[in-house]
Amino acid sequence: MANLFVGVDVSKAELVCRVLDEKGQERGQGTFRNGPSGFRKIRQFLLELDGEGTFFVAMEATGVYYRNFVRFVFRSNDRFVPAVFNPASVKAFAQSRLSRTKTDGQDALFIARYGLELFRDGTFHPWRPEDPSVAQLRQLVTRRGQLVAARSLAINQRHTLREDEQTMPYVLESVERELSHLKEQIEEIDRMIADHMKRHDNLREDRELLTSIPGIGDTTAASWLAHLGDLSRFDKPSQIVAHIGIAPQERQSGSSVRGKPRICRTGLKEVRKALFFPVIVAATRTDSVLKDYYQHLLARGKQKKVALIACMNKLIRIIWAILKSRKPYDPCFAAPSLETQPKG
């Protein structure tokens, strides 16, 4: 039986697909409506291309428009293998091929080629539906982030209005009322998040393990569990580091180009943000393991940001070990894992 690789560029209205065989030769293409009728037509289209083959159907995780389609592919039958790729990975793959064309069809083609490359390397990971409790937790955590962002904006507006002697009292009072309402909403959703994790054994147990680590509280634990969920799709902690996007990017070429290192911007910014302040607390105030490691890096001449990124990297490895072993944090076991030094 033949293996066919289907790249699908998903938008709100359309699904543009390109099909390749194992040699990378194009076998078909088409554009379909993004909806149940279009899903059925794509399946029929693929089955007409090869009545006995296996179809590796890949798409990017952009917005929400791909979700119904990937669920449809998963439910179709064993001959349809869905995959969802990080858009940054596909973009980097296309750039490595020196592509300058940007069309829906070309995007679908590169998604198919990227899927084929992963298959050849043995790193093609099929998509599996996540636990509904994790999906619901992510909705709550995402909404909390939106409310916190709105509160920060309102606080800045209040500060600006207070500095202006011509500000109308009503306008300032309106912002004050908005802040009060946002505070109530954030408190309410915090209670909902806590209750949700208590009601589901998997989340409750993982939360207890995560919060045993110095610096990690309920908010950080909820963000981790909401955005990463089951770690079974990762074979090693370095894959989580790459998935989140925690790595110092060096800018050096010869002796003339030496830019400041900065954190990688691809990946899950929500998790990076959630981990950053706990790492600062652990590395500079509380946890002896990360604090000793942080001070050791500074003594070696590392910049503070590079040292903090390295500590965040190590924290992820500690989290990985704890969630895999199902044992709470123990600094005696965590310390040996911090001996490896970062590059740069």
Protein backbone atom coordinates (compact mmCIF):
# COMPACT_ATOMS: atom_id res chain seq x y z
CA MET A 1 0.00 0.00 0.00
CA ALA A 2 1.21 3.48 -0.86
CA ASN A 3 1.73 6.30 1.63
CA LEU A 4 0.44 9.68 0.50
CA PHE A 5 1.21 12.98 2.22
CA VAL A 6 -1.50 15.62 2.26
CA GLY A 7 -0.77 19.22 3.15
CA VAL A 8 -3.82 21.32 3.99
CA ASP A 9 -3.77 25.11 4.27
CA VAL A 10 -6.71 25.97 6.50
CA SER A 11 -8.59 29.26 6.48
CA LYS A 12 -12.00 30.26 7.78
CA ALA A 13 -13.71 29.54 4.46
CA GLU A 14 -11.49 27.08 2.58
CA LEU A 15 -9.25 24.05 2.80
CA VAL A 16 -6.56 24.05 0.12
CA CYS A 17 -4.79 20.71 -0.18
CA ARG A 18 -1.81 19.29 -2.10
CA VAL A 19 -0.92 15.59 -2.20
CA LEU A 20 2.55 14.04 -2.56
CA ASP A 21 3.72 10.46 -2.83
CA GLU A 22 6.73 9.03 -0.98
CA LYS A 23 9.05 10.19 -3.76
CA GLY A 24 7.85 13.78 -3.34
CA GLN A 25 5.97 13.78 -6.62
CA GLU A 26 2.65 15.63 -6.64
CA ARG A 27 -0.36 13.36 -7.01
CA GLY A 28 -3.24 15.81 -6.73
CA GLN A 29 -4.59 19.12 -5.48
CA GLY A 30 -7.92 20.69 -4.68
CA THR A 31 -9.82 23.38 -2.80
CA PHE A 32 -12.75 22.55 -0.57
CA ARG A 33 -15.15 24.33 1.74
CA ASN A 34 -14.17 24.44 5.41
CA GLY A 35 -17.16 22.62 6.85
CA PRO A 36 -18.73 19.14 7.11
CA SER A 37 -19.60 18.92 3.40
CA GLY A 38 -16.08 19.99 2.42
CA PHE A 39 -14.56 17.48 4.83
CA ARG A 40 -16.48 14.65 3.20
CA LYS A 41 -15.46 15.81 -0.27
CA ILE A 42 -11.77 15.86 0.70
CA ARG A 43 -12.05 12.30 2.02
CA GLN A 44 -13.72 11.16 -1.19
CA PHE A 45 -11.12 13.02 -3.27
CA LEU A 46 -8.28 11.26 -1.47
CA LEU A 47 -9.87 7.83 -1.68
CA GLU A 48 -10.30 8.29 -5.43
CA LEU A 49 -6.56 9.05 -5.71
CA ASP A 50 -5.68 5.77 -4.03
CA GLY A 51 -8.27 3.27 -2.88
CA GLU A 52 -5.84 1.35 -0.67
CA GLY A 53 -3.23 3.88 0.45
CA THR A 54 -2.59 5.51 3.80
CA PHE A 55 -3.01 9.28 3.96
CA PHE A 56 -0.89 11.40 6.30
CA VAL A 57 -3.00 14.56 6.51
CA ALA A 58 -1.09 17.53 7.96
CA MET A 59 -2.05 21.11 8.77
CA GLU A 60 -0.81 24.03 10.86
CA ALA A 61 -2.07 24.97 14.31
CA THR A 62 -3.33 28.42 13.32
CA GLY A 63 -6.37 29.91 15.04
CA VAL A 64 -9.35 27.63 15.64
CA TYR A 65 -10.35 26.86 12.06
CA TYR A 66 -8.34 23.62 11.79
CA ARG A 67 -9.82 21.94 14.87
CA ASN A 68 -13.05 20.54 13.42
CA PHE A 69 -11.20 19.27 10.37
CA VAL A 70 -8.46 17.47 12.32
CA ARG A 71 -11.13 15.80 14.46
CA PHE A 72 -12.91 14.66 11.29
CA VAL A 73 -9.68 13.18 9.88
CA PHE A 74 -8.99 11.39 13.16
CA ARG A 75 -12.47 9.86 13.19
CA SER A 76 -12.41 8.81 9.52
CA ASN A 77 -10.58 5.46 9.69
CA ASP A 78 -7.12 3.97 10.27
CA ARG A 79 -6.00 4.93 6.77
CA PHE A 80 -6.18 8.63 7.64
CA VAL A 81 -3.41 9.82 9.97
CA PRO A 82 -3.76 13.47 11.07
CA ALA A 83 -0.92 15.72 12.20
CA VAL A 84 -0.83 19.33 13.41
CA PHE A 85 2.41 21.29 12.98
CA ASN A 86 3.78 24.39 14.64
CA PRO A 87 3.51 27.15 11.97
CA ALA A 88 7.00 28.39 12.88
CA SER A 89 8.46 24.97 12.03
CA VAL A 90 6.76 24.90 8.64
CA LYS A 91 7.88 28.47 7.93
CA ALA A 92 11.48 27.61 8.79
CA PHE A 93 11.27 24.55 6.55
CA ALA A 94 9.98 26.64 3.64
CA GLN A 95 12.70 29.26 4.17
CA SER A 96 15.34 26.52 4.13
CA ARG A 97 14.09 25.70 0.62
CA LEU A 98 14.54 29.37 -0.35
CA SER A 99 10.85 29.78 -1.01
CA ARG A 100 9.65 33.33 -1.65
CA THR A 101 6.18 32.49 -2.93
CA LYS A 102 3.27 32.98 -0.53
CA THR A 103 -0.01 31.48 -1.72
CA ASP A 104 -2.45 29.07 -0.11
CA GLY A 105 -1.50 26.37 -2.59
CA GLN A 106 2.20 26.87 -1.99
CA ASP A 107 1.66 26.80 1.78
CA ALA A 108 -0.24 23.50 1.46
CA LEU A 109 2.59 22.10 -0.67
CA PHE A 110 5.23 22.94 1.95
CA ILE A 111 3.08 21.45 4.71
CA ALA A 112 2.92 18.22 2.68
CA ARG A 113 6.69 18.29 2.05
CA TYR A 114 7.38 18.94 5.73
CA GLY A 115 5.19 15.97 6.67
CA LEU A 116 7.06 13.80 4.19
CA GLU A 117 10.44 14.87 5.65
CA LEU A 118 9.29 14.04 9.18
CA PHE A 119 8.02 10.66 7.99
CA ARG A 120 11.37 9.88 6.36
CA ASP A 121 13.17 10.88 9.59
CA GLY A 122 10.84 8.79 11.72
CA THR A 123 9.63 11.86 13.62
CA PHE A 124 6.12 12.19 12.22
CA HIS A 125 3.88 12.30 15.31
CA PRO A 126 0.17 11.70 14.67
CA TRP A 127 -2.35 14.02 16.27
CA ARG A 128 -4.48 12.60 19.05
CA PRO A 129 -7.50 14.28 20.67
CA GLU A 130 -6.63 15.74 24.03
CA ASP A 131 -8.38 15.12 27.32
CA PRO A 132 -11.53 17.31 27.47
CA SER A 133 -10.54 18.43 30.97
CA VAL A 134 -7.30 19.88 29.59
CA ALA A 135 -9.11 21.64 26.73
CA GLN A 136 -11.55 23.19 29.19
CA LEU A 137 -8.73 24.26 31.49
CA ARG A 138 -7.01 25.96 28.55
CA GLN A 139 -10.18 27.93 27.82
CA LEU A 140 -10.27 29.15 31.42
CA VAL A 141 -6.55 29.97 31.49
CA THR A 142 -6.77 31.80 28.16
CA ARG A 143 -9.72 33.85 29.38
CA ARG A 144 -7.84 34.69 32.57
CA GLY A 145 -4.93 35.96 30.48
CA GLN A 146 -7.30 38.19 28.50
CA LEU A 147 -8.75 39.63 31.71
CA VAL A 148 -5.30 40.27 33.19
CA ALA A 149 -4.24 42.04 29.98
CA ALA A 150 -7.39 44.19 30.10
CA ARG A 151 -6.66 45.04 33.75
CA SER A 152 -3.11 46.12 32.90
CA LEU A 153 -4.45 48.37 30.14
CA ALA A 154 -7.02 49.91 32.49
CA ILE A 155 -4.35 50.51 35.17
CA ASN A 156 -2.23 52.39 32.63
CA GLN A 157 -5.27 54.41 31.57
CA ARG A 158 -6.01 55.31 35.18
CA HIS A 159 -2.43 56.45 35.71
CA THR A 160 -2.58 58.64 32.59
CA LEU A 161 -5.90 60.17 33.63
CA ARG A 162 -4.68 60.94 37.14
CA GLU A 163 -1.68 62.78 35.73
CA ASP A 164 -3.89 65.05 33.60
CA GLU A 165 -5.41 67.88 35.64
CA GLN A 166 -8.15 68.35 33.02
CA THR A 167 -9.46 64.79 33.27
CA MET A 168 -13.22 64.64 33.73
CA PRO A 169 -14.21 62.95 37.00
CA TYR A 170 -16.72 60.73 35.18
CA VAL A 171 -14.03 59.30 32.89
CA LEU A 172 -11.76 58.46 35.81
CA GLU A 173 -14.65 56.95 37.74
CA SER A 174 -15.57 54.86 34.71
CA VAL A 175 -12.07 53.40 34.56
CA GLU A 176 -12.17 52.74 38.31
CA ARG A 177 -15.44 50.83 37.90
CA GLU A 178 -13.93 48.84 35.05
CA LEU A 179 -10.94 47.92 37.22
CA SER A 180 -13.22 46.83 40.04
CA HIS A 181 -15.25 44.67 37.65
CA LEU A 182 -12.10 43.12 36.15
CA LYS A 183 -10.79 42.34 39.64
CA GLU A 184 -14.03 40.48 40.43
CA GLN A 185 -13.89 38.57 37.15
CA ILE A 186 -10.27 37.52 37.69
CA GLU A 187 -11.07 36.34 41.22
CA GLU A 188 -14.06 34.42 39.89
CA ILE A 189 -12.12 32.70 37.12
CA ASP A 190 -9.31 31.86 39.57
CA ARG A 191 -11.90 30.03 41.67
CA MET A 192 -13.21 28.26 38.58
CA ILE A 193 -9.70 27.16 37.59
CA ALA A 194 -9.00 25.85 41.09
CA ASP A 195 -12.34 24.01 41.22
CA HIS A 196 -11.81 22.55 37.75
CA MET A 197 -8.41 21.11 38.69
CA LYS A 198 -9.81 19.69 41.94
CA ARG A 199 -12.65 17.92 40.10
CA HIS A 200 -10.33 16.06 37.70
CA ASP A 201 -7.90 13.60 39.23
CA ASN A 202 -5.29 13.94 36.49
CA LEU A 203 -5.12 17.72 36.83
CA ARG A 204 -5.27 17.69 40.61
CA GLU A 205 -2.41 15.21 40.93
CA ASP A 206 -0.24 17.04 38.38
CA ARG A 207 -0.96 20.38 40.09
CA GLU A 208 0.19 18.98 43.45
CA LEU A 209 3.42 17.72 41.88
CA LEU A 210 4.11 21.00 40.09
CA THR A 211 3.43 23.20 43.11
CA SER A 212 5.90 21.14 45.15
CA ILE A 213 8.62 22.93 43.14
CA PRO A 214 9.78 26.20 44.78
CA GLY A 215 8.48 29.24 42.91
CA ILE A 216 5.63 27.45 41.09
CA GLY A 217 2.15 28.36 42.32
CA ASP A 218 -1.34 27.50 41.19
CA THR A 219 -1.39 30.04 38.33
CA THR A 220 1.86 28.77 36.79
CA ALA A 221 0.81 25.13 37.25
CA ALA A 222 -2.54 25.82 35.57
CA SER A 223 -0.82 27.46 32.60
CA TRP A 224 1.60 24.54 32.20
CA LEU A 225 -1.17 21.93 32.36
CA ALA A 226 -3.47 23.92 30.08
CA HIS A 227 -0.96 24.39 27.28
CA LEU A 228 1.09 21.19 27.52
CA GLY A 229 -1.31 18.69 29.06
CA ASP A 230 -0.20 15.09 28.59
CA LEU A 231 3.58 14.85 28.11
CA SER A 232 3.42 11.45 26.42
CA ARG A 233 3.86 13.06 23.00
CA PHE A 234 7.35 14.19 24.05
CA ASP A 235 10.21 11.68 24.11
CA LYS A 236 12.63 13.87 26.08
CA PRO A 237 12.66 17.24 27.90
CA SER A 238 14.63 18.97 25.14
CA GLN A 239 11.56 18.57 22.91
CA ILE A 240 9.49 20.47 25.48
CA VAL A 241 12.15 23.19 25.62
CA ALA A 242 11.95 23.53 21.85
CA HIS A 243 8.14 23.37 21.86
CA ILE A 244 7.88 26.18 24.40
CA GLY A 245 10.68 28.15 22.76
CA ILE A 246 13.17 28.51 25.60
CA ALA A 247 16.67 28.79 24.25
CA PRO A 248 19.13 31.67 24.06
CA GLN A 249 19.68 32.90 20.51
CA GLU A 250 23.26 33.95 20.00
CA ARG A 251 24.23 36.61 17.42
CA GLN A 252 27.90 36.13 16.61
CA SER A 253 29.82 36.00 13.36
CA GLY A 254 33.59 36.23 13.27
CA SER A 255 34.97 38.99 15.46
CA SER A 256 32.80 41.88 14.32
CA VAL A 257 29.22 40.72 14.94
CA ARG A 258 28.44 40.12 18.61
CA GLY A 259 24.83 40.90 19.42
CA LYS A 260 23.23 40.41 22.81
CA PRO A 261 21.75 36.93 23.35
CA ARG A 262 17.98 36.85 23.52
CA ILE A 263 15.33 34.26 24.15
CA CYS A 264 13.83 32.39 21.20
CA ARG A 265 10.44 33.89 20.26
CA THR A 266 8.85 30.83 18.70
CA GLY A 267 6.74 28.40 20.66
CA LEU A 268 4.29 28.83 23.53
CA LYS A 269 4.70 32.38 24.78
CA GLU A 270 2.01 31.81 27.42
CA VAL A 271 4.10 29.12 29.11
CA ARG A 272 7.30 31.16 28.76
CA LYS A 273 5.59 34.06 30.46
CA ALA A 274 4.16 31.84 33.18
CA LEU A 275 7.57 30.32 33.96
CA PHE A 276 9.70 33.46 33.78
CA PHE A 277 8.78 35.07 37.11
CA PRO A 278 8.81 31.80 39.09
CA VAL A 279 12.33 31.23 37.76
CA ILE A 280 13.40 34.70 38.87
CA VAL A 281 12.03 34.01 42.36
CA ALA A 282 13.61 30.55 42.56
CA ALA A 283 16.96 31.59 41.09
CA THR A 284 17.42 34.79 43.09
CA ARG A 285 15.53 34.26 46.34
CA THR A 286 14.27 30.84 47.39
CA ASP A 287 15.36 27.59 45.75
CA SER A 288 18.92 26.67 46.65
CA VAL A 289 19.38 24.43 43.60
CA LEU A 290 18.46 26.99 40.95
CA LYS A 291 19.93 29.82 43.01
CA ASP A 292 23.30 28.07 43.25
CA TYR A 293 23.18 27.29 39.55
CA TYR A 294 22.29 30.87 38.68
CA GLN A 295 25.12 32.27 40.80
CA HIS A 296 27.54 29.76 39.28
CA LEU A 297 26.64 30.92 35.78
CA LEU A 298 27.08 34.57 36.73
CA ALA A 299 30.48 33.75 38.21
CA ARG A 300 31.45 32.20 34.86
CA GLY A 301 30.68 35.51 33.17
CA LYS A 302 27.23 34.72 31.78
CA GLN A 303 24.83 37.61 31.27
CA LYS A 304 21.87 37.67 33.66
CA LYS A 305 19.33 37.00 30.91
CA VAL A 306 21.33 34.05 29.58
CA ALA A 307 21.63 32.66 33.10
CA LEU A 308 17.88 33.03 33.71
CA ILE A 309 17.07 31.32 30.41
CA ALA A 310 19.41 28.48 31.40
CA CYS A 311 17.61 28.23 34.76
CA MET A 312 14.25 28.13 33.00
CA ASN A 313 15.59 25.39 30.75
CA LYS A 314 16.71 23.39 33.79
CA LEU A 315 13.39 23.99 35.54
CA ILE A 316 11.61 22.36 32.60
CA ARG A 317 13.85 19.33 32.98
CA ILE A 318 13.02 19.18 36.69
CA ILE A 319 9.29 19.39 35.86
CA TRP A 320 9.72 16.61 33.30
CA ALA A 321 11.44 14.36 35.87
CA ILE A 322 8.80 15.03 38.53
CA LEU A 323 5.81 14.41 36.25
CA LYS A 324 7.41 11.25 34.85
CA SER A 325 8.47 9.83 38.21
CA ARG A 326 5.25 10.97 39.94
CA LYS A 327 7.33 12.04 42.95
CA PRO A 328 7.31 15.55 44.52
CA TYR A 329 10.26 17.89 44.23
CA ASP A 330 13.36 16.88 46.17
CA PRO A 331 16.38 19.24 45.97
CA CYS A 332 18.72 16.33 46.70
CA PHE A 333 17.67 14.68 43.43
CA ALA A 334 17.33 17.92 41.49
CA ALA A 335 20.83 19.19 42.17
CA PRO A 336 22.78 16.62 40.09
CA SER A 337 20.70 17.44 37.00
CA LEU A 338 22.00 21.00 37.09
CA GLU A 339 25.61 20.17 36.41
CA THR A 340 25.35 20.46 32.63
CA GLN A 341 26.40 23.92 31.52
CA PRO A 342 24.62 25.88 28.77
CA LYS A 343 26.37 26.84 25.59
CA GLY A 344 27.11 30.43 24.75
